[in-house]
PDB file of N, CA and C in Angstrom:
ATOM      1  N   MET A   1     103.167  74.795 139.293  1.00  0.00           N
ATOM      2  CA  MET A   1     103.027  74.980 139.875  1.00  0.00           C
ATOM      3  C   MET A   1     105.148  75.561 140.787  1.00  0.00           C
ATOM      4  N   ILE A   2     104.236  76.695 142.128  1.00  0.00           N
ATOM      5  CA  ILE A   2     105.514  77.383 142.882  1.00  0.00           C
ATOM      6  C   ILE A   2     105.609  76.818 144.254  1.00  0.00           C
ATOM      7  N   ALA A   3     106.729  76.184 144.294  1.00  0.00           N
ATOM      8  CA  ALA A   3     106.984  76.449 145.652  1.00  0.00           C
ATOM      9  C   ALA A   3     107.580  77.819 146.069  1.00  0.00           C
ATOM     10  N   ALA A   4     106.458  78.199 146.575  1.00  0.00           N
ATOM     11  CA  ALA A   4     106.723  79.446 147.331  1.00  0.00           C
ATOM     12  C   ALA A   4     107.994  79.873 148.303  1.00  0.00           C
ATOM     13  N   GLY A   5     107.993  79.936 149.120  1.00  0.00           N
ATOM     14  CA  GLY A   5     108.329  79.975 150.496  1.00  0.00           C
ATOM     15  C   GLY A   5     107.721  81.655 150.457  1.00  0.00           C
ATOM     16  N   GLU A   6     108.739  82.171 151.593  1.00  0.00           N
ATOM     17  CA  GLU A   6     108.157  83.159 152.255  1.00  0.00           C
ATOM     18  C   GLU A   6     108.933  84.331 152.743  1.00  0.00           C
ATOM     19  N   PHE A   7     108.109  85.792 152.776  1.00  0.00           N
ATOM     20  CA  PHE A   7     109.929  86.565 153.001  1.00  0.00           C
ATOM     21  C   PHE A   7     109.956  85.970 154.444  1.00  0.00           C
ATOM     22  N   ARG A   8     110.587  86.652 154.959  1.00  0.00           N
ATOM     23  CA  ARG A   8     111.634  87.165 156.786  1.00  0.00           C
ATOM     24  C   ARG A   8     111.349  88.956 156.800  1.00  0.00           C
ATOM     25  N   PRO A   9     111.275  88.580 158.177  1.00  0.00           N
ATOM     26  CA  PRO A   9     111.103  90.330 158.844  1.00  0.00           C
ATOM     27  C   PRO A   9     112.140  90.036 157.948  1.00  0.00           C
ATOM     28  N   GLY A  10     112.532  91.858 156.888  1.00  0.00           N
ATOM     29  CA  GLY A  10     113.761  92.251 156.656  1.00  0.00           C
ATOM     30  C   GLY A  10     114.072  92.158 155.000  1.00  0.00           C
ATOM     31  N   GLY A  11     112.864  91.263 154.837  1.00  0.00           N
ATOM     32  CA  GLY A  11     112.753  90.838 153.369  1.00  0.00           C
ATOM     33  C   GLY A  11     113.529  89.410 152.589  1.00  0.00           C
ATOM     34  N   THR A  12     113.988  89.130 153.325  1.00  0.00           N
ATOM     35  CA  THR A  12     114.655  88.024 152.579  1.00  0.00           C
ATOM     36  C   THR A  12     114.132  86.525 152.569  1.00  0.00           C
ATOM     37  N   LEU A  13     113.999  85.241 150.987  1.00  0.00           N
ATOM     38  CA  LEU A  13     112.703  84.785 150.819  1.00  0.00           C
ATOM     39  C   LEU A  13     113.862  83.728 151.558  1.00  0.00           C
ATOM     40  N   ARG A  14     112.958  82.914 152.850  1.00  0.00           N
ATOM     41  CA  ARG A  14     112.713  81.463 152.973  1.00  0.00           C
ATOM     42  C   ARG A  14     111.975  80.204 152.573  1.00  0.00           C
ATOM     43  N   PRO A  15     112.343  79.327 151.356  1.00  0.00           N
ATOM     44  CA  PRO A  15     111.942  78.856 150.695  1.00  0.00           C
ATOM     45  C   PRO A  15     111.684  77.510 151.808  1.00  0.00           C
ATOM     46  N   ALA A  16     110.024  77.481 152.171  1.00  0.00           N
ATOM     47  CA  ALA A  16     109.308  76.534 153.221  1.00  0.00           C
ATOM     48  C   ALA A  16     109.605  74.599 152.721  1.00  0.00           C
ATOM     49  N   LEU A  17     109.818  74.243 153.262  1.00  0.00           N
ATOM     50  CA  LEU A  17     110.199  72.600 152.750  1.00  0.00           C
ATOM     51  C   LEU A  17     107.883  71.837 153.013  1.00  0.00           C
ATOM     52  N   GLU A  18     106.940  73.212 153.380  1.00  0.00           N
ATOM     53  CA  GLU A  18     105.387  72.513 153.389  1.00  0.00           C
ATOM     54  C   GLU A  18     105.217  72.985 152.352  1.00  0.00           C
ATOM     55  N   ASP A  19     105.833  73.998 151.970  1.00  0.00           N
ATOM     56  CA  ASP A  19     105.989  74.841 149.881  1.00  0.00           C
ATOM     57  C   ASP A  19     105.802  73.214 149.135  1.00  0.00           C
ATOM     58  N   LEU A  20     107.520  73.036 149.322  1.00  0.00           N
ATOM     59  CA  LEU A  20     107.776  72.155 148.657  1.00  0.00           C
ATOM     60  C   LEU A  20     107.531  70.544 148.565  1.00  0.00           C
ATOM     61  N   LEU A  21     106.802  70.181 149.556  1.00  0.00           N
ATOM     62  CA  LEU A  21     106.641  68.816 149.609  1.00  0.00           C
ATOM     63  C   LEU A  21     105.293  69.157 149.417  1.00  0.00           C
ATOM     64  N   GLY A  22     103.904  69.797 149.056  1.00  0.00           N
ATOM     65  CA  GLY A  22     103.269  70.347 148.975  1.00  0.00           C
ATOM     66  C   GLY A  22     102.552  70.387 146.853  1.00  0.00           C
ATOM     67  N   ALA A  23     103.729  70.739 147.586  1.00  0.00           N
ATOM     68  CA  ALA A  23     104.050  70.663 144.898  1.00  0.00           C
ATOM     69  C   ALA A  23     104.533  69.394 144.705  1.00  0.00           C
ATOM     70  N   GLY A  24     105.390  68.843 145.605  1.00  0.00           N
ATOM     71  CA  GLY A  24     105.025  67.530 145.461  1.00  0.00           C
ATOM     72  C   GLY A  24     104.359  65.977 145.253  1.00  0.00           C
ATOM     73  N   ALA A  25     103.651  66.370 146.230  1.00  0.00           N
ATOM     74  CA  ALA A  25     102.907  65.774 145.976  1.00  0.00           C
ATOM     75  C   ALA A  25     101.585  65.522 144.836  1.00  0.00           C
ATOM     76  N   ILE A  26     101.622  67.426 144.564  1.00  0.00           N
ATOM     77  CA  ILE A  26     100.094  67.282 143.714  1.00  0.00           C
ATOM     78  C   ILE A  26     101.400  67.361 142.453  1.00  0.00           C
ATOM     79  N   ILE A  27     102.317  67.461 142.131  1.00  0.00           N
ATOM     80  CA  ILE A  27     102.873  67.537 140.815  1.00  0.00           C
ATOM     81  C   ILE A  27     103.271  65.392 140.498  1.00  0.00           C
ATOM     82  N   SER A  28     103.470  64.799 141.786  1.00  0.00           N
ATOM     83  CA  SER A  28     103.225  63.168 141.470  1.00  0.00           C
ATOM     84  C   SER A  28     102.018  62.471 141.379  1.00  0.00           C
ATOM     85  N   GLU A  29     101.243  62.904 142.156  1.00  0.00           N
ATOM     86  CA  GLU A  29     100.234  62.731 141.032  1.00  0.00           C
ATOM     87  C   GLU A  29      99.527  63.105 140.118  1.00  0.00           C
ATOM     88  N   LEU A  30      99.666  64.440 139.522  1.00  0.00           N
ATOM     89  CA  LEU A  30      99.648  64.488 137.563  1.00  0.00           C
ATOM     90  C   LEU A  30     100.310  64.038 136.851  1.00  0.00           C
ATOM     91  N   HIS A  31     101.762  63.657 137.690  1.00  0.00           N
ATOM     92  CA  HIS A  31     102.138  63.320 136.490  1.00  0.00           C
ATOM     93  C   HIS A  31     101.997  61.953 136.657  1.00  0.00           C
ATOM     94  N   TRP A  32     101.401  60.704 138.303  1.00  0.00           N
ATOM     95  CA  TRP A  32     100.791  59.486 137.044  1.00  0.00           C
ATOM     96  C   TRP A  32      99.866  59.737 136.534  1.00  0.00           C
ATOM     97  N   HIS A  33      99.702  60.782 136.849  1.00  0.00           N
ATOM     98  CA  HIS A  33      98.497  60.233 135.245  1.00  0.00           C
ATOM     99  C   HIS A  33      99.105  61.323 133.916  1.00  0.00           C
ATOM    100  N   ASP A  34      99.792  62.386 133.833  1.00  0.00           N
ATOM    101  CA  ASP A  34     100.097  62.690 132.302  1.00  0.00           C
ATOM    102  C   ASP A  34     101.299  62.547 132.428  1.00  0.00           C
ATOM    103  N   ALA A  35     102.616  61.627 131.568  1.00  0.00           N
ATOM    104  CA  ALA A  35     103.684  60.998 132.140  1.00  0.00           C
ATOM    105  C   ALA A  35     105.256  61.575 131.326  1.00  0.00           C
ATOM    106  N   ARG A  36     104.400  62.840 130.366  1.00  0.00           N
ATOM    107  CA  ARG A  36     105.136  64.538 130.118  1.00  0.00           C
ATOM    108  C   ARG A  36     106.097  64.506 131.125  1.00  0.00           C
ATOM    109  N   PRO A  37     107.976  64.630 129.732  1.00  0.00           N
ATOM    110  CA  PRO A  37     108.784  65.373 130.983  1.00  0.00           C
ATOM    111  C   PRO A  37     108.666  66.437 131.797  1.00  0.00           C
ATOM    112  N   LEU A  38     109.038  65.786 132.774  1.00  0.00           N
ATOM    113  CA  LEU A  38     109.126  66.822 133.624  1.00  0.00           C
ATOM    114  C   LEU A  38     110.321  67.702 134.430  1.00  0.00           C
ATOM    115  N   SER A  39     110.513  69.544 134.822  1.00  0.00           N
ATOM    116  CA  SER A  39     111.055  70.253 135.040  1.00  0.00           C
ATOM    117  C   SER A  39     111.770  70.119 136.454  1.00  0.00           C
ATOM    118  N   ALA A  40     113.700  70.176 135.596  1.00  0.00           N
ATOM    119  CA  ALA A  40     114.662  69.550 137.068  1.00  0.00           C
ATOM    120  C   ALA A  40     113.626  70.029 138.259  1.00  0.00           C
ATOM    121  N   GLU A  41     112.734  71.077 138.477  1.00  0.00           N
ATOM    122  CA  GLU A  41     112.614  71.564 140.235  1.00  0.00           C
ATOM    123  C   GLU A  41     111.612  70.541 140.065  1.00  0.00           C
ATOM    124  N   ALA A  42     110.481  70.868 139.387  1.00  0.00           N
ATOM    125  CA  ALA A  42     109.059  69.567 139.470  1.00  0.00           C
ATOM    126  C   ALA A  42     109.310  68.166 139.929  1.00  0.00           C
ATOM    127  N   ALA A  43     111.259  68.102 139.621  1.00  0.00           N
ATOM    128  CA  ALA A  43     111.310  66.161 139.051  1.00  0.00           C
ATOM    129  C   ALA A  43     112.154  65.917 140.794  1.00  0.00           C
ATOM    130  N   ALA A  44     112.934  66.825 141.176  1.00  0.00           N
ATOM    131  CA  ALA A  44     112.874  67.617 142.592  1.00  0.00           C
ATOM    132  C   ALA A  44     112.150  67.890 143.413  1.00  0.00           C
ATOM    133  N   ALA A  45     111.352  68.438 143.305  1.00  0.00           N
ATOM    134  CA  ALA A  45     109.277  67.712 144.218  1.00  0.00           C
ATOM    135  C   ALA A  45     109.692  66.927 144.477  1.00  0.00           C
ATOM    136  N   CYS A  46     108.866  65.613 143.118  1.00  0.00           N
ATOM    137  CA  CYS A  46     108.415  65.338 143.520  1.00  0.00           C
ATOM    138  C   CYS A  46     109.811  64.077 144.033  1.00  0.00           C
ATOM    139  N   VAL A  47     111.097  64.207 143.738  1.00  0.00           N
ATOM    140  CA  VAL A  47     112.206  63.267 144.550  1.00  0.00           C
ATOM    141  C   VAL A  47     111.298  63.387 145.830  1.00  0.00           C
ATOM    142  N   CYS A  48     111.365  64.397 146.296  1.00  0.00           N
ATOM    143  CA  CYS A  48     111.169  64.897 148.420  1.00  0.00           C
ATOM    144  C   CYS A  48     110.471  64.490 148.359  1.00  0.00           C
ATOM    145  N   PHE A  49     109.137  64.491 148.035  1.00  0.00           N
ATOM    146  CA  PHE A  49     108.039  64.284 148.327  1.00  0.00           C
ATOM    147  C   PHE A  49     108.047  63.109 148.371  1.00  0.00           C
ATOM    148  N   GLY A  50     108.212  61.869 147.201  1.00  0.00           N
ATOM    149  CA  GLY A  50     108.153  60.800 147.686  1.00  0.00           C
ATOM    150  C   GLY A  50     109.442  60.456 148.732  1.00  0.00           C
ATOM    151  N   GLU A  51     110.031  61.049 148.314  1.00  0.00           N
ATOM    152  CA  GLU A  51     111.109  60.487 150.348  1.00  0.00           C
ATOM    153  C   GLU A  51     110.742  60.771 151.883  1.00  0.00           C
ATOM    154  N   VAL A  52     110.506  61.476 151.868  1.00  0.00           N
ATOM    155  CA  VAL A  52     109.767  61.439 153.209  1.00  0.00           C
ATOM    156  C   VAL A  52     109.046  61.162 153.680  1.00  0.00           C
ATOM    157  N   ARG A  53     108.950  60.708 154.832  1.00  0.00           N
ATOM    158  CA  ARG A  53     107.839  59.154 155.323  1.00  0.00           C
ATOM    159  C   ARG A  53     107.113  59.986 156.214  1.00  0.00           C
ATOM    160  N   ASP A  54     107.512  60.951 156.964  1.00  0.00           N
ATOM    161  CA  ASP A  54     106.052  61.348 158.340  1.00  0.00           C
ATOM    162  C   ASP A  54     106.361  62.990 157.742  1.00  0.00           C
ATOM    163  N   VAL A  55     105.269  63.526 157.268  1.00  0.00           N
ATOM    164  CA  VAL A  55     104.668  64.750 156.167  1.00  0.00           C
ATOM    165  C   VAL A  55     105.036  65.254 157.340  1.00  0.00           C
ATOM    166  N   ALA A  56     104.174  65.479 158.575  1.00  0.00           N
ATOM    167  CA  ALA A  56     103.676  65.980 159.314  1.00  0.00           C
ATOM    168  C   ALA A  56     105.191  66.297 160.134  1.00  0.00           C
ATOM    169  N   GLN A  57     105.623  65.138 160.364  1.00  0.00           N
ATOM    170  CA  GLN A  57     106.612  65.109 161.092  1.00  0.00           C
ATOM    171  C   GLN A  57     108.663  65.795 160.513  1.00  0.00           C
ATOM    172  N   ALA A  58     108.680  65.597 159.991  1.00  0.00           N
ATOM    173  CA  ALA A  58     109.533  66.949 158.697  1.00  0.00           C
ATOM    174  C   ALA A  58     109.495  68.259 158.894  1.00  0.00           C
ATOM    175  N   VAL A  59     107.327  69.133 158.631  1.00  0.00           N
ATOM    176  CA  VAL A  59     107.199  70.320 158.869  1.00  0.00           C
ATOM    177  C   VAL A  59     107.715  70.125 160.068  1.00  0.00           C
ATOM    178  N   THR A  60     107.002  69.911 161.027  1.00  0.00           N
ATOM    179  CA  THR A  60     106.960  69.651 162.148  1.00  0.00           C
ATOM    180  C   THR A  60     108.718  70.558 162.551  1.00  0.00           C
ATOM    181  N   ASP A  61     109.422  69.909 162.131  1.00  0.00           N
ATOM    182  CA  ASP A  61     110.891  70.272 162.148  1.00  0.00           C
ATOM    183  C   ASP A  61     111.574  71.429 161.137  1.00  0.00           C
ATOM    184  N   SER A  62     110.973  71.441 160.282  1.00  0.00           N
ATOM    185  CA  SER A  62     111.389  72.057 159.505  1.00  0.00           C
ATOM    186  C   SER A  62     111.395  73.913 159.931  1.00  0.00           C
ATOM    187  N   SER A  63     112.157  74.841 159.628  1.00  0.00           N
ATOM    188  CA  SER A  63     112.729  76.531 160.296  1.00  0.00           C
ATOM    189  C   SER A  63     110.688  76.837 160.007  1.00  0.00           C
ATOM    190  N   SER A  64     109.917  75.873 159.549  1.00  0.00           N
ATOM    191  CA  SER A  64     108.381  77.140 159.472  1.00  0.00           C
ATOM    192  C   SER A  64     107.821  75.907 161.244  1.00  0.00           C
ATOM    193  N   GLY A  65     107.889  75.274 161.240  1.00  0.00           N
ATOM    194  CA  GLY A  65     107.538  74.571 163.089  1.00  0.00           C
ATOM    195  C   GLY A  65     107.884  73.531 163.820  1.00  0.00           C
ATOM    196  N   ARG A  66     109.394  74.851 163.867  1.00  0.00           N
ATOM    197  CA  ARG A  66     109.545  75.867 164.928  1.00  0.00           C
ATOM    198  C   ARG A  66     109.518  76.477 164.940  1.00  0.00           C
ATOM    199  N   GLY A  67     108.950  77.817 164.447  1.00  0.00           N
ATOM    200  CA  GLY A  67     108.647  79.311 164.343  1.00  0.00           C
ATOM    201  C   GLY A  67     107.394  78.993 164.963  1.00  0.00           C
ATOM    202  N   LEU A  68     106.718  78.453 164.291  1.00  0.00           N
ATOM    203  CA  LEU A  68     104.875  77.957 164.792  1.00  0.00           C
ATOM    204  C   LEU A  68     104.841  77.633 165.579  1.00  0.00           C
ATOM    205  N   ALA A  69     105.219  76.165 166.822  1.00  0.00           N
ATOM    206  CA  ALA A  69     106.251  76.210 167.678  1.00  0.00           C
ATOM    207  C   ALA A  69     105.839  77.196 168.601  1.00  0.00           C
ATOM    208  N   ALA A  70     106.588  78.174 167.789  1.00  0.00           N
ATOM    209  CA  ALA A  70     107.494  79.669 169.488  1.00  0.00           C
ATOM    210  C   ALA A  70     106.843  80.418 169.021  1.00  0.00           C
ATOM    211  N   ALA A  71     105.878  80.832 168.336  1.00  0.00           N
ATOM    212  CA  ALA A  71     104.785  81.222 168.053  1.00  0.00           C
ATOM    213  C   ALA A  71     103.409  81.166 168.775  1.00  0.00           C
ATOM    214  N   GLY A  72     103.080  80.143 169.855  1.00  0.00           N
ATOM    215  CA  GLY A  72     102.454  79.616 170.698  1.00  0.00           C
ATOM    216  C   GLY A  72     101.282  78.638 169.392  1.00  0.00           C
ATOM    217  N   PHE A  73     101.603  78.421 168.106  1.00  0.00           N
ATOM    218  CA  PHE A  73     101.053  77.676 167.622  1.00  0.00           C
ATOM    219  C   PHE A  73     101.462  75.808 166.939  1.00  0.00           C
ATOM    220  N   ALA A  74     101.973  75.520 167.753  1.00  0.00           N
ATOM    221  CA  ALA A  74     102.026  73.817 167.090  1.00  0.00           C
ATOM    222  C   ALA A  74     101.082  73.096 167.336  1.00  0.00           C
ATOM    223  N   GLN A  75     100.071  73.857 167.577  1.00  0.00           N
ATOM    224  CA  GLN A  75      98.904  71.812 167.202  1.00  0.00           C
ATOM    225  C   GLN A  75      98.879  72.186 165.508  1.00  0.00           C
ATOM    226  N   ASP A  76      98.936  73.215 164.761  1.00  0.00           N
ATOM    227  CA  ASP A  76      98.704  73.877 163.116  1.00  0.00           C
ATOM    228  C   ASP A  76      98.903  73.338 162.838  1.00  0.00           C
ATOM    229  N   ILE A  77     100.378  72.547 163.552  1.00  0.00           N
ATOM    230  CA  ILE A  77     101.166  71.588 162.223  1.00  0.00           C
ATOM    231  C   ILE A  77     100.254  70.562 161.981  1.00  0.00           C
ATOM    232  N   ALA A  78     100.305  69.887 163.506  1.00  0.00           N
ATOM    233  CA  ALA A  78      99.009  68.389 163.438  1.00  0.00           C
ATOM    234  C   ALA A  78      97.614  68.180 162.683  1.00  0.00           C
ATOM    235  N   ILE A  79      97.288  69.466 162.487  1.00  0.00           N
ATOM    236  CA  ILE A  79      95.634  69.147 162.004  1.00  0.00           C
ATOM    237  C   ILE A  79      95.800  68.350 160.829  1.00  0.00           C
ATOM    238  N   ALA A  80      95.097  67.222 160.364  1.00  0.00           N
ATOM    239  CA  ALA A  80      95.457  66.218 159.187  1.00  0.00           C
ATOM    240  C   ALA A  80      95.730  67.155 157.949  1.00  0.00           C
ATOM    241  N   ILE A  81      94.987  68.104 157.960  1.00  0.00           N
ATOM    242  CA  ILE A  81      94.532  67.941 156.170  1.00  0.00           C
ATOM    243  C   ILE A  81      95.678  69.023 156.297  1.00  0.00           C
ATOM    244  N   ALA A  82      96.064  69.610 157.196  1.00  0.00           N
ATOM    245  CA  ALA A  82      97.168  70.677 156.396  1.00  0.00           C
ATOM    246  C   ALA A  82      98.740  69.842 155.445  1.00  0.00           C
ATOM    247  N   THR A  83      98.706  68.498 156.682  1.00  0.00           N
ATOM    248  CA  THR A  83      99.570  68.519 155.918  1.00  0.00           C
ATOM    249  C   THR A  83      99.853  66.350 155.298  1.00  0.00           C
ATOM    250  N   GLY A  84      97.832  66.183 155.675  1.00  0.00           N
ATOM    251  CA  GLY A  84      97.846  64.876 154.856  1.00  0.00           C
ATOM    252  C   GLY A  84      97.397  64.642 152.994  1.00  0.00           C
ATOM    253  N   HIS A  85      97.722  63.525 153.286  1.00  0.00           N
ATOM    254  CA  HIS A  85      98.120  63.515 152.014  1.00  0.00           C
ATOM    255  C   HIS A  85      96.321  62.770 151.380  1.00  0.00           C
ATOM    256  N   ASP A  86      95.889  62.729 150.341  1.00  0.00           N
ATOM    257  CA  ASP A  86      94.459  61.995 149.711  1.00  0.00           C
ATOM    258  C   ASP A  86      92.958  62.334 151.087  1.00  0.00           C
ATOM    259  N   THR A  87      93.253  63.359 151.835  1.00  0.00           N
ATOM    260  CA  THR A  87      92.617  63.685 152.496  1.00  0.00           C
ATOM    261  C   THR A  87      90.879  64.404 152.058  1.00  0.00           C
ATOM    262  N   SER A  88      91.020  65.015 150.626  1.00  0.00           N
ATOM    263  CA  SER A  88      89.818  65.737 150.466  1.00  0.00           C
ATOM    264  C   SER A  88      89.941  65.439 149.228  1.00  0.00           C
ATOM    265  N   ARG A  89      87.849  65.142 149.546  1.00  0.00           N
ATOM    266  CA  ARG A  89      88.118  65.347 147.494  1.00  0.00           C
ATOM    267  C   ARG A  89      87.213  66.174 147.041  1.00  0.00           C
ATOM    268  N   VAL A  90      87.889  67.323 147.202  1.00  0.00           N
ATOM    269  CA  VAL A  90      87.251  69.143 147.483  1.00  0.00           C
ATOM    270  C   VAL A  90      88.327  69.465 146.906  1.00  0.00           C
ATOM    271  N   VAL A  91      88.472  70.380 146.321  1.00  0.00           N
ATOM    272  CA  VAL A  91      88.504  71.343 145.876  1.00  0.00           C
ATOM    273  C   VAL A  91      88.350  72.773 146.065  1.00  0.00           C
ATOM    274  N   HIS A  92      89.743  73.590 147.010  1.00  0.00           N
ATOM    275  CA  HIS A  92      89.283  74.601 147.629  1.00  0.00           C
ATOM    276  C   HIS A  92      89.068  75.921 145.826  1.00  0.00           C
ATOM    277  N   LEU A  93      88.267  77.132 146.741  1.00  0.00           N
ATOM    278  CA  LEU A  93      89.150  78.291 146.482  1.00  0.00           C
ATOM    279  C   LEU A  93      88.604  79.600 146.520  1.00  0.00           C
ATOM    280  N   LEU A  94      90.110  79.747 147.109  1.00  0.00           N
ATOM    281  CA  LEU A  94      90.529  81.802 147.255  1.00  0.00           C
ATOM    282  C   LEU A  94      89.912  82.629 146.741  1.00  0.00           C
ATOM    283  N   SER A  95      88.278  83.308 147.781  1.00  0.00           N
ATOM    284  CA  SER A  95      87.160  83.977 146.890  1.00  0.00           C
ATOM    285  C   SER A  95      86.793  85.396 147.849  1.00  0.00           C
ATOM    286  N   GLY A  96      87.336  86.195 147.976  1.00  0.00           N
ATOM    287  CA  GLY A  96      86.914  86.705 148.954  1.00  0.00           C
ATOM    288  C   GLY A  96      88.079  86.936 149.920  1.00  0.00           C
ATOM    289  N   GLY A  97      88.824  86.933 150.025  1.00  0.00           N
ATOM    290  CA  GLY A  97      89.818  86.424 150.915  1.00  0.00           C
ATOM    291  C   GLY A  97      89.443  84.738 152.047  1.00  0.00           C
ATOM    292  N   ALA A  98      88.334  84.294 152.010  1.00  0.00           N
ATOM    293  CA  ALA A  98      88.052  83.241 152.226  1.00  0.00           C
ATOM    294  C   ALA A  98      88.146  81.390 151.332  1.00  0.00           C
ATOM    295  N   PHE A  99      87.883  80.737 152.304  1.00  0.00           N
ATOM    296  CA  PHE A  99      89.045  79.618 151.196  1.00  0.00           C
ATOM    297  C   PHE A  99      87.017  78.673 151.660  1.00  0.00           C
ATOM    298  N   THR A 100      86.034  78.279 150.265  1.00  0.00           N
ATOM    299  CA  THR A 100      85.157  77.830 149.446  1.00  0.00           C
ATOM    300  C   THR A 100      85.068  76.509 148.970  1.00  0.00           C
ATOM    301  N   ALA A 101      84.447  75.690 149.682  1.00  0.00           N
ATOM    302  CA  ALA A 101      84.986  74.676 148.155  1.00  0.00           C
ATOM    303  C   ALA A 101      83.646  74.683 147.262  1.00  0.00           C
ATOM    304  N   ALA A 102      84.650  74.613 145.669  1.00  0.00           N
ATOM    305  CA  ALA A 102      84.523  74.458 144.149  1.00  0.00           C
ATOM    306  C   ALA A 102      83.114  73.656 143.957  1.00  0.00           C
ATOM    307  N   ARG A 103      81.680  74.751 143.170  1.00  0.00           N
ATOM    308  CA  ARG A 103      80.785  73.736 143.154  1.00  0.00           C
ATOM    309  C   ARG A 103      81.420  73.215 141.285  1.00  0.00           C
TER     310      ARG A 103
END
């Protein structure tokens, strides 16, 4: 699990809060079922996810959220599937440049 971030114009890396929280949510759920020790990075992602009470608000307040709002895409953050927890029971696969439900 890698909370990757994104490259800014000019090539510098911007850590992404939404990636960190997403990784923390997934790792937390997996760790619930398998209590093997976590790496320090995985444990930190879990702690971050566990401490955020309102993921949508946190993402809205992040540099990504502010950038989306400035570009006219603030509504993208509000989409429940983008910041919701346990909102889908389907695993999506990226195939041919589009996401499809796994069978």
